[in-house]
C-alpha atoms as a PDB file:
ATOM      1  CA  MET A   1     -70.281 -12.978 -54.000  1.00  0.00           C
ATOM      2  CA  PRO A   2     -72.317 -10.749 -55.934  1.00  0.00           C
ATOM      3  CA  ASP A   3     -73.501 -10.668 -59.986  1.00  0.00           C
ATOM      4  CA  VAL A   4     -71.306  -8.715 -61.791  1.00  0.00           C
ATOM      5  CA  ASN A   5     -70.996  -7.628 -65.930  1.00  0.00           C
ATOM      6  CA  THR A   6     -67.315  -7.309 -65.994  1.00  0.00           C
ATOM      7  CA  ILE A   7     -65.185  -9.098 -68.694  1.00  0.00           C
ATOM      8  CA  ASP A   8     -61.315  -8.890 -68.187  1.00  0.00           C
ATOM      9  CA  TYR A   9     -58.610 -10.366 -70.298  1.00  0.00           C
ATOM     10  CA  VAL A  10     -55.245 -11.127 -70.042  1.00  0.00           C
ATOM     11  CA  THR A  11     -52.388 -11.901 -72.885  1.00  0.00           C
ATOM     12  CA  ILE A  12     -51.290 -15.248 -71.865  1.00  0.00           C
ATOM     13  CA  SER A  13     -47.507 -14.814 -73.594  1.00  0.00           C
ATOM     14  CA  THR A  14     -46.936 -12.225 -70.936  1.00  0.00           C
ATOM     15  CA  THR A  15     -47.478 -12.052 -66.973  1.00  0.00           C
ATOM     16  CA  GLY A  16     -49.716  -9.279 -65.274  1.00  0.00           C
ATOM     17  CA  ASP A  17     -52.989  -8.066 -64.105  1.00  0.00           C
ATOM     18  CA  ALA A  18     -55.982  -8.638 -66.087  1.00  0.00           C
ATOM     19  CA  THR A  19     -57.257  -5.738 -68.147  1.00  0.00           C
ATOM     20  CA  ASP A  20     -61.058  -4.634 -68.571  1.00  0.00           C
ATOM     21  CA  PHE A  21     -62.456  -6.358 -71.771  1.00  0.00           C
ATOM     22  CA  GLY A  22     -66.052  -4.736 -71.655  1.00  0.00           C
ATOM     23  CA  ASP A  23     -69.347  -6.036 -70.226  1.00  0.00           C
ATOM     24  CA  THR A  24     -71.965  -8.761 -70.646  1.00  0.00           C
ATOM     25  CA  SER A  25     -75.339  -7.675 -71.213  1.00  0.00           C
ATOM     26  CA  VAL A  26     -76.798  -9.085 -67.814  1.00  0.00           C
ATOM     27  CA  THR A  27     -75.379  -9.203 -64.231  1.00  0.00           C
ATOM     28  CA  ARG A  28     -74.692 -12.649 -63.235  1.00  0.00           C
ATOM     29  CA  ARG A  29     -72.396 -15.312 -61.744  1.00  0.00           C
ATOM     30  CA  GLU A  30     -71.836 -18.810 -62.096  1.00  0.00           C
ATOM     31  CA  ALA A  31     -72.411 -19.171 -65.648  1.00  0.00           C
ATOM     32  CA  GLY A  32     -70.860 -21.503 -68.616  1.00  0.00           C
ATOM     33  CA  GLY A  33     -68.406 -20.875 -71.093  1.00  0.00           C
ATOM     34  CA  CYS A  34     -67.379 -22.069 -74.317  1.00  0.00           C
ATOM     35  CA  ASN A  35     -65.182 -20.608 -77.435  1.00  0.00           C
ATOM     36  CA  SER A  36     -64.049 -20.917 -80.848  1.00  0.00           C
ATOM     37  CA  ASP A  37     -60.902 -19.048 -82.282  1.00  0.00           C
ATOM     38  CA  VAL A  38     -63.064 -16.283 -82.835  1.00  0.00           C
ATOM     39  CA  ARG A  39     -65.869 -16.103 -80.388  1.00  0.00           C
ATOM     40  CA  GLY A  40     -66.289 -16.774 -76.692  1.00  0.00           C
ATOM     41  CA  LEU A  41     -69.666 -17.194 -75.354  1.00  0.00           C
ATOM     42  CA  MET A  42     -71.207 -16.989 -71.960  1.00  0.00           C
ATOM     43  CA  ALA A  43     -74.193 -18.911 -70.891  1.00  0.00           C
ATOM     44  CA  GLY A  44     -77.032 -19.325 -68.033  1.00  0.00           C
ATOM     45  CA  GLY A  45     -75.989 -18.034 -64.431  1.00  0.00           C
ATOM     46  CA  TYR A  46     -77.400 -17.193 -61.369  1.00  0.00           C
ATOM     47  CA  ALA A  47     -80.408 -16.768 -60.655  1.00  0.00           C
ATOM     48  CA  THR A  48     -81.336 -19.281 -63.913  1.00  0.00           C
ATOM     49  CA  SER A  49     -80.653 -17.049 -66.659  1.00  0.00           C
ATOM     50  CA  ASN A  50     -81.493 -18.285 -70.127  1.00  0.00           C
ATOM     51  CA  VAL A  51     -79.002 -15.605 -71.898  1.00  0.00           C
ATOM     52  CA  ILE A  52     -76.057 -16.770 -73.982  1.00  0.00           C
ATOM     53  CA  ASP A  53     -74.146 -13.510 -74.485  1.00  0.00           C
ATOM     54  CA  TYR A  54     -70.641 -13.741 -77.105  1.00  0.00           C
ATOM     55  CA  ILE A  55     -67.539 -11.563 -77.785  1.00  0.00           C
ATOM     56  CA  THR A  56     -65.595 -11.603 -80.622  1.00  0.00           C
ATOM     57  CA  ILE A  57     -62.359 -12.698 -78.995  1.00  0.00           C
ATOM     58  CA  ALA A  58     -59.737 -10.258 -81.072  1.00  0.00           C
ATOM     59  CA  THR A  59     -61.572  -6.944 -80.258  1.00  0.00           C
ATOM     60  CA  THR A  60     -62.540  -5.761 -76.548  1.00  0.00           C
ATOM     61  CA  GLY A  61     -65.687  -4.218 -76.019  1.00  0.00           C
ATOM     62  CA  ASN A  62     -69.424  -5.261 -74.680  1.00  0.00           C
ATOM     63  CA  SER A  63     -70.836  -8.812 -75.613  1.00  0.00           C
ATOM     64  CA  THR A  64     -73.842  -9.348 -77.598  1.00  0.00           C
ATOM     65  CA  ASP A  65     -76.739 -11.447 -77.185  1.00  0.00           C
ATOM     66  CA  PHE A  66     -76.480 -14.913 -78.918  1.00  0.00           C
ATOM     67  CA  GLY A  67     -79.600 -16.336 -78.063  1.00  0.00           C
ATOM     68  CA  ASP A  68     -81.132 -18.289 -74.992  1.00  0.00           C
ATOM     69  CA  LEU A  69     -80.397 -21.578 -73.630  1.00  0.00           C
ATOM     70  CA  THR A  70     -83.699 -24.058 -74.058  1.00  0.00           C
ATOM     71  CA  VAL A  71     -84.090 -23.732 -69.953  1.00  0.00           C
ATOM     72  CA  GLY A  72     -82.719 -21.100 -67.585  1.00  0.00           C
ATOM     73  CA  ARG A  73     -79.950 -22.347 -65.055  1.00  0.00           C
ATOM     74  CA  THR A  74     -76.821 -21.652 -63.340  1.00  0.00           C
ATOM     75  CA  TYR A  75     -73.361 -23.573 -62.653  1.00  0.00           C
ATOM     76  CA  VAL A  76     -73.814 -24.607 -66.603  1.00  0.00           C
ATOM     77  CA  ALA A  77     -70.668 -26.914 -67.654  1.00  0.00           C
ATOM     78  CA  ALA A  78     -69.751 -26.464 -71.502  1.00  0.00           C
ATOM     79  CA  CYS A  79     -67.102 -27.870 -74.057  1.00  0.00           C
ATOM     80  CA  ASP A  80     -66.246 -27.053 -77.482  1.00  0.00           C
ATOM     81  CA  ASN A  81     -64.448 -27.699 -80.822  1.00  0.00           C
ATOM     82  CA  THR A  82     -63.906 -25.285 -83.247  1.00  0.00           C
ATOM     83  CA  THR A  83     -67.789 -25.172 -84.609  1.00  0.00           C
ATOM     84  CA  ARG A  84     -70.115 -26.098 -81.864  1.00  0.00           C
ATOM     85  CA  GLY A  85     -70.531 -25.665 -78.122  1.00  0.00           C
ATOM     86  CA  VAL A  86     -72.189 -28.198 -75.624  1.00  0.00           C
ATOM     87  CA  LEU A  87     -73.755 -26.754 -72.474  1.00  0.00           C
ATOM     88  CA  GLY A  88     -74.607 -29.644 -69.947  1.00  0.00           C
ATOM     89  CA  GLY A  89     -76.391 -29.851 -66.805  1.00  0.00           C
ATOM     90  CA  GLY A  90     -77.070 -26.809 -64.058  1.00  0.00           C
ATOM     91  CA  TRP A  91     -78.917 -26.223 -61.009  1.00  0.00           C
ATOM     92  CA  ILE A  92     -82.567 -25.331 -61.624  1.00  0.00           C
ATOM     93  CA  ALA A  93     -84.354 -24.860 -57.694  1.00  0.00           C
ATOM     94  CA  PRO A  94     -84.693 -27.247 -56.294  1.00  0.00           C
ATOM     95  CA  SER A  95     -82.469 -29.638 -58.113  1.00  0.00           C
ATOM     96  CA  ALA A  96     -79.967 -30.505 -60.434  1.00  0.00           C
ATOM     97  CA  ASN A  97     -80.688 -30.833 -64.310  1.00  0.00           C
ATOM     98  CA  ASN A  98     -79.992 -33.424 -66.968  1.00  0.00           C
ATOM     99  CA  THR A  99     -80.273 -31.092 -69.788  1.00  0.00           C
ATOM    100  CA  MET A 100     -77.764 -30.546 -72.571  1.00  0.00           C
ATOM    101  CA  ASP A 101     -77.753 -28.146 -75.505  1.00  0.00           C
ATOM    102  CA  TYR A 102     -75.860 -26.762 -78.220  1.00  0.00           C
ATOM    103  CA  VAL A 103     -74.978 -23.804 -80.375  1.00  0.00           C
ATOM    104  CA  THR A 104     -73.143 -23.340 -83.529  1.00  0.00           C
ATOM    105  CA  ILE A 105     -70.633 -20.625 -82.321  1.00  0.00           C
ATOM    106  CA  ALA A 106     -70.031 -18.914 -85.422  1.00  0.00           C
ATOM    107  CA  SER A 107     -74.162 -17.991 -85.999  1.00  0.00           C
ATOM    108  CA  THR A 108     -76.123 -16.785 -83.353  1.00  0.00           C
ATOM    109  CA  GLY A 109     -79.645 -17.906 -82.254  1.00  0.00           C
ATOM    110  CA  ASN A 110     -81.044 -20.421 -79.402  1.00  0.00           C
ATOM    111  CA  ALA A 111     -79.449 -23.003 -78.355  1.00  0.00           C
ATOM    112  CA  THR A 112     -81.173 -26.637 -79.154  1.00  0.00           C
ATOM    113  CA  ASP A 113     -81.620 -29.548 -77.522  1.00  0.00           C
ATOM    114  CA  PHE A 114     -78.869 -31.654 -77.679  1.00  0.00           C
ATOM    115  CA  GLY A 115     -79.836 -34.894 -75.230  1.00  0.00           C
ATOM    116  CA  ASP A 116     -79.698 -35.598 -71.656  1.00  0.00           C
ATOM    117  CA  LEU A 117     -76.718 -36.227 -69.014  1.00  0.00           C
ATOM    118  CA  THR A 118     -77.199 -39.901 -67.331  1.00  0.00           C
ATOM    119  CA  SER A 119     -78.203 -37.861 -64.234  1.00  0.00           C
ATOM    120  CA  GLY A 120     -78.640 -34.244 -63.433  1.00  0.00           C
ATOM    121  CA  GLY A 121     -75.635 -32.326 -62.101  1.00  0.00           C
ATOM    122  CA  TYR A 122     -74.168 -28.841 -61.029  1.00  0.00           C
ATOM    123  CA  TYR A 123     -70.742 -27.685 -60.020  1.00  0.00           C
ATOM    124  CA  MET A 124     -69.558 -29.708 -62.728  1.00  0.00           C
ATOM    125  CA  SER A 125     -66.091 -29.100 -64.754  1.00  0.00           C
ATOM    126  CA  SER A 126     -65.868 -30.310 -68.710  1.00  0.00           C
ATOM    127  CA  CYS A 127     -63.315 -30.702 -71.127  1.00  0.00           C
ATOM    128  CA  ALA A 128     -62.705 -31.929 -74.880  1.00  0.00           C
ATOM    129  CA  ASN A 129     -60.338 -32.731 -77.220  1.00  0.00           C
ATOM    130  CA  GLY A 130     -62.277 -31.627 -80.465  1.00  0.00           C
ATOM    131  CA  ILE A 131     -64.326 -34.642 -81.018  1.00  0.00           C
ATOM    132  CA  ARG A 132     -65.523 -35.763 -77.440  1.00  0.00           C
ATOM    133  CA  GLY A 133     -66.693 -33.749 -74.262  1.00  0.00           C
ATOM    134  CA  VAL A 134     -66.572 -35.200 -71.050  1.00  0.00           C
ATOM    135  CA  ILE A 135     -68.761 -33.373 -68.702  1.00  0.00           C
ATOM    136  CA  GLY A 136     -69.003 -34.462 -64.840  1.00  0.00           C
ATOM    137  CA  GLY A 137     -67.871 -34.318 -61.019  1.00  0.00           C
ATOM    138  CA  GLY A 138     -69.693 -31.563 -59.389  1.00  0.00           C
ATOM    139  CA  SER A 139     -72.576 -32.470 -57.422  1.00  0.00           C
ATOM    140  CA  PHE A 140     -71.631 -36.359 -58.019  1.00  0.00           C
ATOM    141  CA  ASN A 141     -68.172 -38.119 -59.017  1.00  0.00           C
ATOM    142  CA  THR A 142     -69.671 -39.200 -62.146  1.00  0.00           C
ATOM    143  CA  LEU A 143     -68.239 -38.468 -65.595  1.00  0.00           C
ATOM    144  CA  ASP A 144     -70.316 -38.547 -68.661  1.00  0.00           C
ATOM    145  CA  TYR A 145     -69.027 -38.255 -72.344  1.00  0.00           C
ATOM    146  CA  VAL A 146     -70.820 -37.277 -75.872  1.00  0.00           C
ATOM    147  CA  THR A 147     -69.335 -36.734 -79.244  1.00  0.00           C
ATOM    148  CA  ILE A 148     -69.837 -33.018 -79.641  1.00  0.00           C
ATOM    149  CA  GLN A 149     -70.836 -33.171 -83.439  1.00  0.00           C
ATOM    150  CA  THR A 150     -74.046 -35.405 -83.138  1.00  0.00           C
ATOM    151  CA  THR A 151     -76.647 -35.452 -80.719  1.00  0.00           C
ATOM    152  CA  GLY A 152     -77.946 -37.654 -78.571  1.00  0.00           C
ATOM    153  CA  ASN A 153     -77.726 -38.340 -74.729  1.00  0.00           C
ATOM    154  CA  ALA A 154     -74.322 -38.869 -73.078  1.00  0.00           C
ATOM    155  CA  SER A 155     -72.665 -42.005 -71.809  1.00  0.00           C
ATOM    156  CA  THR A 156     -70.990 -43.043 -68.814  1.00  0.00           C
ATOM    157  CA  PHE A 157     -67.314 -42.338 -69.311  1.00  0.00           C
ATOM    158  CA  GLY A 158     -66.450 -43.476 -65.760  1.00  0.00           C
ATOM    159  CA  ASN A 159     -65.975 -42.001 -62.047  1.00  0.00           C
ATOM    160  CA  LEU A 160     -63.605 -39.456 -60.211  1.00  0.00           C
ATOM    161  CA  SER A 161     -61.615 -41.062 -57.570  1.00  0.00           C
ATOM    162  CA  SER A 162     -63.638 -39.093 -55.260  1.00  0.00           C
ATOM    163  CA  GLY A 163     -66.522 -36.526 -55.625  1.00  0.00           C
ATOM    164  CA  ARG A 164     -65.838 -33.042 -55.513  1.00  0.00           C
ATOM    165  CA  ALA A 165     -67.398 -29.669 -56.544  1.00  0.00           C
ATOM    166  CA  GLU A 166     -66.606 -26.098 -57.991  1.00  0.00           C
ATOM    167  CA  THR A 167     -63.520 -27.313 -59.515  1.00  0.00           C
ATOM    168  CA  ALA A 168     -61.577 -26.789 -63.138  1.00  0.00           C
ATOM    169  CA  ALA A 169     -60.728 -29.127 -65.977  1.00  0.00           C
ATOM    170  CA  THR A 170     -58.592 -28.245 -69.045  1.00  0.00           C
ATOM    171  CA  SER A 171     -58.366 -29.550 -72.560  1.00  0.00           C
ATOM    172  CA  GLY A 172     -55.819 -29.874 -75.048  1.00  0.00           C
ATOM    173  CA  ASP A 173     -56.365 -30.869 -78.919  1.00  0.00           C
END
């Protein structure tokens, strides 16, 4: 797949094709994303980019530089609550990474170290319920969890029934 800078959107309450929203500040693929009700963030991406961009969800337009990850990586998993995004894992050639960063979504700035996953991973998915975020799967079948509002290393949540990569997860508050 080629790197792109395209942002599309859909109106969930109606069916139809995606519409152009704007462009990201850099071309990339395999980035992680998190959001609040107001902002959407895109972080990292191929080839080990450290760039974090944001958009204002209610208005179309190009993304704006938000800041940088603590370390550039691709295949970043991200979970969030209304104020904070946690960005975990990823790939830094030649291996998986266990770094977790966090950002305060409402204010721009560089990411801050959150802690570490129990092991490095990439191709992972994540979900959250507003309090706890679960990150896992991907290159391993393990699941880790964090409390989003507090920093610290992840704890073991459990295992998937079988390992799988490049999957999606959903959350409900």
